[in-house]
């Protein structure tokens, strides 16, 4: 079941990146003066890909990290597919997937920051400055290592959300456990049990 689901997601990734780059092959959205993609262009991309804006930002950043998308370097700078895109498109699916997965694993840019604010209260845009986080590849490696260490088979229902969870009660209800760090009562959430 997991292998079939993973294969389906890999195929979706390939199809989504290919659809994005087909749209941008002859010249996509303009590059902002400060660098990056405008909010309006990200919304258009999300609509074209039939996905949310954060997910569209992920796909745009992934294509960029894989070297399949860049600024065209013209005076009226626009984003466009690179010559590497043509080679990537002709490669077998397994190689195309390996290119995307390897780029994601090594990327320091974090699409999840798009729409947030920088230290000067400027909006962070897809493909723009301020998305680099040097620890991102290490975090991805650690998470994948933890996931690889899980036992095979279907997931077991959690008996506790975290240590000390009562395991009963309404989902997400905050209750008091009576064992606070200073002798007082501390709130805790009860899991769906």
Protein backbone atom coordinates (compact mmCIF):
# COMPACT_ATOMS: atom_id res chain seq x y z
CA UNK A 1 0.00 0.00 0.00
CA UNK A 2 2.77 2.46 0.94
CA UNK A 3 4.76 1.66 -2.22
CA UNK A 4 1.72 2.27 -4.44
CA UNK A 5 0.95 5.52 -2.66
CA UNK A 6 4.57 6.66 -2.91
CA UNK A 7 4.68 5.80 -6.62
CA UNK A 8 1.48 7.77 -7.16
CA UNK A 9 2.92 10.80 -5.37
CA UNK A 10 6.14 10.55 -7.37
CA UNK A 11 4.13 10.51 -10.59
CA UNK A 12 2.12 13.52 -9.39
CA UNK A 13 5.37 15.39 -8.68
CA UNK A 14 6.67 14.69 -12.18
CA UNK A 15 3.39 15.69 -13.83
CA UNK A 16 3.06 18.87 -11.75
CA UNK A 17 6.59 20.09 -12.44
CA UNK A 18 6.20 19.28 -16.13
CA UNK A 19 2.89 21.18 -16.28
CA UNK A 20 4.46 24.19 -14.53
CA UNK A 21 7.43 24.26 -16.88
CA UNK A 22 5.32 23.79 -20.01
CA UNK A 23 3.41 26.91 -18.99
CA UNK A 24 6.63 28.84 -18.37
CA UNK A 25 8.73 27.37 -21.20
CA UNK A 26 8.51 30.37 -23.53
CA UNK A 27 8.74 32.88 -20.71
CA UNK A 28 6.75 32.85 -17.55
CA UNK A 29 6.03 35.57 -15.04
CA UNK A 30 8.22 38.63 -14.67
CA UNK A 31 10.94 38.70 -12.04
CA UNK A 32 10.28 41.30 -9.34
CA UNK A 33 12.87 44.09 -9.01
CA UNK A 34 13.76 42.75 -5.57
CA UNK A 35 13.79 39.22 -6.98
CA UNK A 36 11.14 36.56 -6.82
CA UNK A 37 7.63 35.96 -8.03
CA UNK A 38 4.77 38.38 -7.41
CA UNK A 39 1.83 37.34 -5.24
CA UNK A 40 -0.46 37.72 -8.27
CA UNK A 41 1.75 35.41 -10.37
CA UNK A 42 1.90 32.85 -7.57
CA UNK A 43 -1.91 32.89 -7.42
CA UNK A 44 -2.11 32.40 -11.20
CA UNK A 45 0.34 29.52 -10.95
CA UNK A 46 -1.70 27.92 -8.16
CA UNK A 47 -4.85 28.16 -10.28
CA UNK A 48 -3.05 26.73 -13.33
CA UNK A 49 -1.76 23.81 -11.26
CA UNK A 50 -5.11 23.42 -9.47
CA UNK A 51 -3.49 23.63 -6.07
CA UNK A 52 -3.02 25.99 -3.13
CA UNK A 53 -0.58 28.88 -3.18
CA UNK A 54 1.77 27.29 -0.60
CA UNK A 55 1.85 24.10 -2.65
CA UNK A 56 2.45 26.04 -5.87
CA UNK A 57 5.33 27.84 -4.13
CA UNK A 58 6.79 24.42 -3.23
CA UNK A 59 6.64 23.22 -6.87
CA UNK A 60 8.15 26.47 -8.19
CA UNK A 61 10.99 26.32 -5.65
CA UNK A 62 11.57 22.62 -6.40
CA UNK A 63 11.84 23.26 -10.15
CA UNK A 64 14.28 26.09 -9.38
CA UNK A 65 16.37 23.89 -7.04
CA UNK A 66 16.52 21.16 -9.70
CA UNK A 67 17.91 23.65 -12.22
CA UNK A 68 14.84 23.35 -14.43
CA UNK A 69 13.69 26.95 -13.93
CA UNK A 70 15.59 30.25 -13.81
CA UNK A 71 15.50 33.87 -14.85
CA UNK A 72 15.90 34.21 -18.61
CA UNK A 73 18.51 36.96 -18.17
CA UNK A 74 16.81 39.28 -20.66
CA UNK A 75 16.37 43.04 -20.07
CA UNK A 76 12.68 42.42 -19.31
CA UNK A 77 13.55 39.56 -16.99
CA UNK A 78 11.11 36.65 -16.81
CA UNK A 79 11.19 33.16 -15.37
CA UNK A 80 11.51 30.38 -17.92
CA UNK A 81 12.41 26.73 -18.21
CA UNK A 82 16.14 26.14 -18.61
CA UNK A 83 17.82 23.99 -21.29
CA UNK A 84 18.15 21.33 -18.56
CA UNK A 85 14.34 21.07 -18.60
CA UNK A 86 14.39 19.72 -22.16
CA UNK A 87 16.88 17.01 -21.15
CA UNK A 88 14.93 16.26 -17.95
CA UNK A 89 11.66 15.92 -19.87
CA UNK A 90 13.20 13.31 -22.19
CA UNK A 91 14.71 11.24 -19.36
CA UNK A 92 13.00 8.13 -17.96
CA UNK A 93 10.57 8.79 -15.10
CA UNK A 94 12.90 7.24 -12.50
CA UNK A 95 15.70 9.64 -13.46
CA UNK A 96 13.34 12.63 -13.46
CA UNK A 97 12.12 11.64 -9.99
CA UNK A 98 15.70 11.21 -8.74
CA UNK A 99 16.53 14.71 -10.02
CA UNK A 100 13.60 16.24 -8.13
CA UNK A 101 14.15 14.22 -4.95
CA UNK A 102 17.89 14.97 -4.90
CA UNK A 103 17.25 18.67 -5.45
CA UNK A 104 14.68 18.77 -2.64
CA UNK A 105 16.97 16.93 -0.24
CA UNK A 106 19.91 19.27 -0.85
CA UNK A 107 17.96 22.54 -1.14
CA UNK A 108 18.51 25.23 1.46
CA UNK A 109 15.52 27.22 0.22
CA UNK A 110 12.32 26.62 2.18
CA UNK A 111 9.08 27.27 0.31
CA UNK A 112 7.13 27.12 3.57
CA UNK A 113 8.37 30.63 4.37
CA UNK A 114 6.66 32.15 1.31
CA UNK A 115 4.07 34.69 2.39
CA UNK A 116 5.81 35.29 5.72
CA UNK A 117 7.72 38.44 6.64
CA UNK A 118 11.42 39.14 6.83
CA UNK A 119 13.20 41.18 9.52
CA UNK A 120 12.29 44.40 7.67
CA UNK A 121 8.60 43.34 7.49
CA UNK A 122 8.73 42.65 3.74
CA UNK A 123 6.72 39.77 2.33
CA UNK A 124 8.83 36.76 1.38
CA UNK A 125 8.09 35.68 -2.18
CA UNK A 126 8.62 32.44 -4.05
CA UNK A 127 12.00 32.49 -5.82
CA UNK A 128 12.88 35.63 -3.88
CA UNK A 129 15.52 36.41 -1.29
CA UNK A 130 15.17 35.38 2.33
CA UNK A 131 14.09 31.77 1.86
CA UNK A 132 17.50 30.18 2.50
CA UNK A 133 17.87 28.16 5.68
CA UNK A 134 21.21 26.38 5.88
CA UNK A 135 19.88 23.72 8.27
CA UNK A 136 17.07 22.59 5.92
CA UNK A 137 19.00 19.72 4.26
CA UNK A 138 20.12 18.36 7.64
CA UNK A 139 16.58 18.51 9.01
CA UNK A 140 15.25 16.65 5.96
CA UNK A 141 17.93 13.97 6.33
CA UNK A 142 17.11 13.51 10.02
CA UNK A 143 13.38 13.23 9.40
CA UNK A 144 13.91 10.69 6.61
CA UNK A 145 16.24 8.69 8.85
CA UNK A 146 13.60 8.63 11.60
CA UNK A 147 10.90 7.58 9.14
CA UNK A 148 13.13 4.84 7.70
CA UNK A 149 13.55 3.45 11.21
CA UNK A 150 9.82 2.91 11.73
CA UNK A 151 8.58 -0.69 11.64
CA UNK A 152 6.98 -1.91 8.43
CA UNK A 153 3.26 -2.47 8.22
CA UNK A 154 0.21 -0.37 8.96
CA UNK A 155 0.57 2.32 11.58
CA UNK A 156 -0.60 1.39 15.04
CA UNK A 157 -3.16 3.67 16.68
CA UNK A 158 -1.40 5.90 19.18
CA UNK A 159 -2.16 5.07 22.77
CA UNK A 160 -0.94 8.50 23.78
CA UNK A 161 -0.45 11.79 22.01
CA UNK A 162 2.61 12.46 24.18
CA UNK A 163 3.79 11.28 27.59
CA UNK A 164 1.16 11.91 30.20
CA UNK A 165 -1.78 12.04 27.81
CA UNK A 166 -4.91 10.59 29.35
CA UNK A 167 -5.95 8.92 26.12
CA UNK A 168 -9.60 9.72 26.55
CA UNK A 169 -11.95 12.63 26.30
CA UNK A 170 -12.92 14.91 23.47
CA UNK A 171 -10.36 15.49 20.71
CA UNK A 172 -8.10 18.45 21.38
CA UNK A 173 -9.79 19.40 24.67
CA UNK A 174 -7.39 21.09 27.05
CA UNK A 175 -7.69 19.72 30.55
CA UNK A 176 -5.71 20.01 33.72
CA UNK A 177 -3.49 17.17 34.84
CA UNK A 178 -2.59 18.51 38.28
CA UNK A 179 1.14 17.90 37.87
CA UNK A 180 2.66 21.21 36.86
CA UNK A 181 6.38 21.81 37.07
CA UNK A 182 5.88 24.18 40.00
CA UNK A 183 3.35 22.12 41.86
CA UNK A 184 0.42 23.90 40.23
CA UNK A 185 -1.97 22.65 37.65
CA UNK A 186 -0.69 22.60 34.07
CA UNK A 187 -2.90 22.30 30.99
CA UNK A 188 -2.66 19.35 28.68
CA UNK A 189 -4.53 18.15 25.65
CA UNK A 190 -6.35 14.91 25.62
CA UNK A 191 -5.93 12.83 22.54
CA UNK A 192 -8.81 11.33 20.63
CA UNK A 193 -8.11 8.07 22.44
